[in-house]
N, C-alpha and C. Protein backbone atom coordinates (compact mmCIF):
# COMPACT_ATOMS: atom_id res chain seq x y z
N MET A 1 -12.26 34.67 8.04
CA MET A 1 -13.38 33.75 8.18
C MET A 1 -12.91 32.37 7.72
N GLU A 2 -13.29 31.36 8.46
CA GLU A 2 -12.91 29.98 8.17
C GLU A 2 -13.96 29.34 7.28
N MET A 3 -13.50 28.57 6.27
CA MET A 3 -14.43 27.89 5.37
C MET A 3 -15.13 26.77 6.12
N PRO A 4 -16.43 26.63 5.94
CA PRO A 4 -17.14 25.54 6.62
C PRO A 4 -16.71 24.21 6.03
N SER A 5 -16.63 23.19 6.91
CA SER A 5 -16.19 21.88 6.43
C SER A 5 -17.26 20.82 6.60
N THR A 6 -18.38 21.17 7.16
CA THR A 6 -19.49 20.21 7.29
C THR A 6 -20.77 20.90 6.84
N PRO A 7 -21.76 20.11 6.47
CA PRO A 7 -23.04 20.71 6.08
C PRO A 7 -23.64 21.54 7.24
N GLN A 8 -23.44 21.10 8.47
CA GLN A 8 -23.98 21.85 9.61
C GLN A 8 -23.31 23.21 9.73
N GLN A 9 -21.99 23.24 9.56
CA GLN A 9 -21.29 24.52 9.62
C GLN A 9 -21.72 25.42 8.47
N LEU A 10 -21.92 24.84 7.32
CA LEU A 10 -22.37 25.61 6.16
C LEU A 10 -23.76 26.18 6.42
N GLN A 11 -24.62 25.36 7.01
CA GLN A 11 -25.98 25.82 7.33
C GLN A 11 -25.91 26.96 8.35
N ALA A 12 -25.05 26.81 9.35
CA ALA A 12 -24.92 27.87 10.36
C ALA A 12 -24.42 29.15 9.72
N LEU A 13 -23.45 29.02 8.81
CA LEU A 13 -22.94 30.20 8.12
C LEU A 13 -24.04 30.83 7.27
N THR A 14 -24.82 30.01 6.63
CA THR A 14 -25.93 30.51 5.81
C THR A 14 -26.92 31.28 6.67
N GLU A 15 -27.26 30.73 7.82
CA GLU A 15 -28.19 31.41 8.72
C GLU A 15 -27.60 32.74 9.19
N ASP A 16 -26.32 32.72 9.51
CA ASP A 16 -25.65 33.95 9.94
C ASP A 16 -25.70 35.01 8.84
N ILE A 17 -25.45 34.56 7.61
CA ILE A 17 -25.50 35.49 6.47
C ILE A 17 -26.91 36.03 6.31
N ARG A 18 -27.91 35.15 6.42
CA ARG A 18 -29.31 35.60 6.28
C ARG A 18 -29.65 36.66 7.32
N GLU A 19 -29.25 36.41 8.56
CA GLU A 19 -29.56 37.36 9.62
C GLU A 19 -28.94 38.72 9.35
N ARG A 20 -27.70 38.69 8.88
CA ARG A 20 -27.02 39.96 8.61
C ARG A 20 -27.61 40.65 7.37
N VAL A 21 -27.97 39.85 6.40
CA VAL A 21 -28.49 40.41 5.16
C VAL A 21 -29.88 41.02 5.38
N GLU A 22 -30.66 40.44 6.27
CA GLU A 22 -32.01 40.96 6.51
C GLU A 22 -31.99 42.40 7.00
N SER A 23 -30.87 42.74 7.61
CA SER A 23 -30.79 44.12 8.11
C SER A 23 -30.37 45.10 7.02
N LEU A 24 -30.03 44.58 5.88
CA LEU A 24 -29.61 45.44 4.76
C LEU A 24 -30.78 45.74 3.84
N SER A 25 -30.60 46.71 3.01
CA SER A 25 -31.63 47.00 2.01
C SER A 25 -31.43 46.06 0.84
N ASP A 26 -32.43 45.88 0.02
CA ASP A 26 -32.41 44.97 -1.12
C ASP A 26 -32.05 43.55 -0.71
N VAL A 27 -32.63 43.09 0.36
CA VAL A 27 -32.35 41.77 0.92
C VAL A 27 -32.56 40.67 -0.12
N GLU A 28 -33.65 40.74 -0.84
CA GLU A 28 -33.95 39.68 -1.81
C GLU A 28 -32.89 39.59 -2.89
N VAL A 29 -32.40 40.71 -3.37
CA VAL A 29 -31.37 40.72 -4.41
C VAL A 29 -30.08 40.10 -3.87
N ILE A 30 -29.72 40.49 -2.66
CA ILE A 30 -28.49 39.97 -2.06
C ILE A 30 -28.61 38.46 -1.82
N LEU A 31 -29.78 38.01 -1.35
CA LEU A 31 -29.98 36.58 -1.12
C LEU A 31 -29.88 35.79 -2.43
N GLN A 32 -30.44 36.34 -3.49
CA GLN A 32 -30.35 35.65 -4.78
C GLN A 32 -28.90 35.56 -5.25
N GLN A 33 -28.15 36.64 -5.01
CA GLN A 33 -26.73 36.63 -5.39
C GLN A 33 -25.95 35.64 -4.53
N SER A 34 -26.27 35.54 -3.26
CA SER A 34 -25.57 34.64 -2.34
C SER A 34 -25.92 33.18 -2.60
N ALA A 35 -27.12 32.92 -3.09
CA ALA A 35 -27.56 31.55 -3.31
C ALA A 35 -26.61 30.80 -4.23
N GLY A 36 -26.14 31.43 -5.26
CA GLY A 36 -25.20 30.78 -6.18
C GLY A 36 -23.88 30.46 -5.48
N ASP A 37 -23.40 31.39 -4.66
CA ASP A 37 -22.16 31.16 -3.92
C ASP A 37 -22.32 30.02 -2.92
N ILE A 38 -23.47 29.98 -2.28
CA ILE A 38 -23.72 28.93 -1.29
C ILE A 38 -23.80 27.57 -2.00
N ALA A 39 -24.49 27.52 -3.11
CA ALA A 39 -24.59 26.27 -3.86
C ALA A 39 -23.21 25.82 -4.32
N ARG A 40 -22.41 26.77 -4.77
CA ARG A 40 -21.03 26.45 -5.21
C ARG A 40 -20.21 25.93 -4.03
N ALA A 41 -20.37 26.55 -2.87
CA ALA A 41 -19.65 26.10 -1.67
C ALA A 41 -20.06 24.69 -1.29
N GLU A 42 -21.34 24.39 -1.38
CA GLU A 42 -21.82 23.03 -1.07
C GLU A 42 -21.26 22.02 -2.07
N THR A 43 -21.23 22.40 -3.34
CA THR A 43 -20.68 21.53 -4.37
C THR A 43 -19.20 21.27 -4.12
N LEU A 44 -18.47 22.33 -3.78
CA LEU A 44 -17.03 22.17 -3.50
C LEU A 44 -16.80 21.28 -2.28
N LEU A 45 -17.65 21.42 -1.28
CA LEU A 45 -17.54 20.58 -0.08
C LEU A 45 -17.74 19.11 -0.45
N GLU A 46 -18.74 18.82 -1.26
CA GLU A 46 -18.99 17.44 -1.67
C GLU A 46 -17.83 16.90 -2.50
N GLU A 47 -17.29 17.72 -3.39
CA GLU A 47 -16.14 17.30 -4.20
C GLU A 47 -14.93 17.02 -3.31
N ALA A 48 -14.73 17.85 -2.31
CA ALA A 48 -13.61 17.65 -1.38
C ALA A 48 -13.77 16.34 -0.61
N LYS A 49 -15.01 16.04 -0.20
CA LYS A 49 -15.25 14.78 0.51
C LYS A 49 -14.96 13.58 -0.39
N LYS A 50 -15.39 13.67 -1.66
CA LYS A 50 -15.12 12.59 -2.61
C LYS A 50 -13.62 12.43 -2.84
N ALA A 51 -12.92 13.53 -2.99
CA ALA A 51 -11.48 13.49 -3.20
C ALA A 51 -10.78 12.88 -1.99
N SER A 52 -11.25 13.23 -0.80
CA SER A 52 -10.67 12.68 0.42
C SER A 52 -10.88 11.17 0.48
N LYS A 53 -12.07 10.72 0.13
CA LYS A 53 -12.35 9.27 0.13
C LYS A 53 -11.48 8.58 -0.91
N GLY A 54 -11.34 9.18 -2.07
CA GLY A 54 -10.48 8.60 -3.11
C GLY A 54 -9.04 8.48 -2.64
N ALA A 55 -8.55 9.52 -1.97
CA ALA A 55 -7.18 9.48 -1.45
C ALA A 55 -7.02 8.40 -0.40
N THR A 56 -8.04 8.24 0.44
CA THR A 56 -8.00 7.18 1.46
C THR A 56 -7.96 5.81 0.80
N ASP A 57 -8.78 5.63 -0.23
CA ASP A 57 -8.80 4.35 -0.95
C ASP A 57 -7.43 4.06 -1.58
N VAL A 58 -6.81 5.07 -2.16
CA VAL A 58 -5.49 4.90 -2.77
C VAL A 58 -4.47 4.51 -1.70
N LYS A 59 -4.54 5.15 -0.53
CA LYS A 59 -3.60 4.83 0.56
C LYS A 59 -3.79 3.40 1.03
N VAL A 60 -5.03 2.96 1.16
CA VAL A 60 -5.30 1.58 1.58
C VAL A 60 -4.70 0.61 0.56
N THR A 61 -4.90 0.88 -0.72
CA THR A 61 -4.34 0.02 -1.77
C THR A 61 -2.81 0.02 -1.70
N ALA A 62 -2.22 1.20 -1.53
CA ALA A 62 -0.76 1.29 -1.44
C ALA A 62 -0.24 0.51 -0.24
N ASP A 63 -0.94 0.57 0.88
CA ASP A 63 -0.52 -0.18 2.07
C ASP A 63 -0.59 -1.68 1.81
N MET A 64 -1.63 -2.13 1.10
CA MET A 64 -1.75 -3.56 0.79
C MET A 64 -0.62 -4.00 -0.16
N VAL A 65 -0.31 -3.17 -1.14
CA VAL A 65 0.78 -3.49 -2.07
C VAL A 65 2.10 -3.56 -1.32
N LYS A 66 2.32 -2.63 -0.42
CA LYS A 66 3.55 -2.61 0.37
C LYS A 66 3.67 -3.89 1.19
N ALA A 67 2.59 -4.29 1.84
CA ALA A 67 2.60 -5.52 2.65
C ALA A 67 2.87 -6.74 1.76
N ALA A 68 2.26 -6.78 0.58
CA ALA A 68 2.49 -7.90 -0.34
C ALA A 68 3.94 -7.94 -0.80
N LEU A 69 4.53 -6.78 -1.06
CA LEU A 69 5.94 -6.73 -1.47
C LEU A 69 6.85 -7.21 -0.34
N GLU A 70 6.52 -6.85 0.89
CA GLU A 70 7.32 -7.30 2.03
C GLU A 70 7.24 -8.82 2.17
N GLU A 71 6.05 -9.38 1.98
CA GLU A 71 5.90 -10.84 2.05
C GLU A 71 6.65 -11.51 0.91
N ALA A 72 6.60 -10.92 -0.28
CA ALA A 72 7.32 -11.48 -1.42
C ALA A 72 8.83 -11.46 -1.16
N GLU A 73 9.30 -10.40 -0.54
CA GLU A 73 10.73 -10.31 -0.22
C GLU A 73 11.13 -11.40 0.78
N LYS A 74 10.29 -11.64 1.77
CA LYS A 74 10.56 -12.71 2.74
C LYS A 74 10.61 -14.06 2.04
N ALA A 75 9.65 -14.29 1.15
CA ALA A 75 9.60 -15.56 0.42
C ALA A 75 10.83 -15.72 -0.47
N GLN A 76 11.25 -14.64 -1.10
CA GLN A 76 12.43 -14.69 -1.96
C GLN A 76 13.67 -15.02 -1.13
N ASN A 77 13.79 -14.38 0.04
CA ASN A 77 14.94 -14.65 0.91
C ASN A 77 14.95 -16.11 1.35
N ALA A 78 13.78 -16.65 1.69
CA ALA A 78 13.69 -18.04 2.11
C ALA A 78 14.07 -18.97 0.95
N ALA A 79 13.61 -18.64 -0.26
CA ALA A 79 13.94 -19.45 -1.43
C ALA A 79 15.43 -19.41 -1.71
N GLU A 80 16.04 -18.25 -1.60
CA GLU A 80 17.49 -18.13 -1.82
C GLU A 80 18.25 -18.96 -0.80
N LYS A 81 17.79 -18.94 0.44
CA LYS A 81 18.43 -19.73 1.50
C LYS A 81 18.30 -21.22 1.20
N ALA A 82 17.11 -21.64 0.75
CA ALA A 82 16.89 -23.04 0.42
C ALA A 82 17.76 -23.47 -0.77
N ILE A 83 17.90 -22.62 -1.75
CA ILE A 83 18.75 -22.93 -2.92
C ILE A 83 20.20 -23.07 -2.48
N LYS A 84 20.66 -22.18 -1.62
CA LYS A 84 22.03 -22.24 -1.13
C LYS A 84 22.25 -23.55 -0.38
N GLN A 85 21.29 -23.92 0.47
CA GLN A 85 21.40 -25.18 1.22
C GLN A 85 21.42 -26.37 0.27
N ALA A 86 20.57 -26.32 -0.76
CA ALA A 86 20.54 -27.41 -1.74
C ALA A 86 21.87 -27.51 -2.48
N ASP A 87 22.46 -26.37 -2.84
CA ASP A 87 23.78 -26.39 -3.49
C ASP A 87 24.83 -27.02 -2.59
N GLU A 88 24.78 -26.67 -1.30
CA GLU A 88 25.73 -27.25 -0.34
C GLU A 88 25.50 -28.75 -0.21
N ASP A 89 24.24 -29.17 -0.18
CA ASP A 89 23.93 -30.60 -0.07
C ASP A 89 24.41 -31.36 -1.31
N ILE A 90 24.22 -30.77 -2.49
CA ILE A 90 24.68 -31.41 -3.73
C ILE A 90 26.20 -31.55 -3.73
N LYS A 91 26.89 -30.49 -3.31
CA LYS A 91 28.36 -30.54 -3.26
C LYS A 91 28.80 -31.62 -2.28
N GLY A 92 28.12 -31.68 -1.13
CA GLY A 92 28.47 -32.72 -0.15
C GLY A 92 28.25 -34.11 -0.70
N THR A 93 27.15 -34.30 -1.43
CA THR A 93 26.87 -35.60 -2.04
C THR A 93 27.90 -35.94 -3.10
N GLN A 94 28.26 -34.95 -3.91
CA GLN A 94 29.29 -35.17 -4.94
C GLN A 94 30.62 -35.55 -4.30
N ASP A 95 30.98 -34.86 -3.23
CA ASP A 95 32.22 -35.18 -2.52
C ASP A 95 32.18 -36.60 -1.97
N LEU A 96 31.02 -36.97 -1.42
CA LEU A 96 30.86 -38.32 -0.88
C LEU A 96 30.97 -39.36 -2.00
N LEU A 97 30.34 -39.09 -3.14
CA LEU A 97 30.43 -40.01 -4.27
C LEU A 97 31.87 -40.15 -4.76
N THR A 98 32.59 -39.04 -4.78
CA THR A 98 33.99 -39.08 -5.19
C THR A 98 34.78 -39.93 -4.21
N SER A 99 34.53 -39.78 -2.92
CA SER A 99 35.22 -40.57 -1.91
C SER A 99 34.90 -42.05 -2.05
N VAL A 100 33.62 -42.39 -2.26
CA VAL A 100 33.21 -43.78 -2.43
C VAL A 100 33.85 -44.37 -3.68
N SER A 101 33.88 -43.60 -4.74
CA SER A 101 34.48 -44.06 -5.98
C SER A 101 35.97 -44.30 -5.77
N ALA A 102 36.63 -43.40 -5.09
CA ALA A 102 38.06 -43.56 -4.82
C ALA A 102 38.30 -44.77 -3.94
N LEU A 103 37.43 -45.00 -2.97
CA LEU A 103 37.55 -46.16 -2.09
C LEU A 103 37.35 -47.44 -2.89
N GLN A 104 36.39 -47.45 -3.81
CA GLN A 104 36.16 -48.63 -4.64
C GLN A 104 37.39 -48.95 -5.48
N VAL A 105 37.99 -47.92 -6.05
CA VAL A 105 39.20 -48.11 -6.86
C VAL A 105 40.31 -48.66 -5.97
N PHE A 106 40.46 -48.08 -4.80
CA PHE A 106 41.50 -48.53 -3.87
C PHE A 106 41.29 -50.00 -3.51
N LEU A 107 40.04 -50.34 -3.16
CA LEU A 107 39.74 -51.72 -2.79
C LEU A 107 39.95 -52.68 -3.96
N LYS A 108 39.64 -52.26 -5.15
CA LYS A 108 39.83 -53.09 -6.34
C LYS A 108 41.31 -53.34 -6.56
N ILE A 109 42.09 -52.27 -6.42
CA ILE A 109 43.54 -52.41 -6.59
C ILE A 109 44.11 -53.32 -5.50
N GLN A 110 43.66 -53.13 -4.28
CA GLN A 110 44.14 -53.93 -3.18
C GLN A 110 43.77 -55.40 -3.38
N LYS A 111 42.59 -55.63 -3.87
CA LYS A 111 42.13 -57.01 -4.12
C LYS A 111 42.96 -57.66 -5.20
N GLN A 112 43.30 -56.88 -6.21
CA GLN A 112 44.13 -57.41 -7.30
C GLN A 112 45.53 -57.79 -6.79
N HIS A 113 46.04 -57.04 -5.83
CA HIS A 113 47.38 -57.32 -5.30
C HIS A 113 47.36 -58.50 -4.35
N GLN A 114 46.22 -58.84 -3.84
CA GLN A 114 46.11 -59.97 -2.92
C GLN A 114 46.03 -61.28 -3.66
N VAL A 115 45.64 -61.21 -4.86
CA VAL A 115 45.46 -62.44 -5.63
C VAL A 115 46.75 -63.05 -6.01
């Protein structure tokens, strides 16, 4: 027998049980005994639904965290690329300054020899 997963299936199972029990003797005693089991089954069904919703909420949160981490990784890669480019630009500027300084020294020396 398959466990009911919806209130309608549970109700149908309950009706089926009632029909079968009516044909038995001591119907009232059996129904009273079954009532507790049915109530427990309904409680378990509701708990399962709540657990399922909780799991769905956790998955949604995990998906959002994953997306945020992916965006952070992209931003980090872009920042690293920008830093590398800045380092290259600084080195180029330093090389240019060294060249200008050397040219100034050369021109100064040349000017002194012309005098």
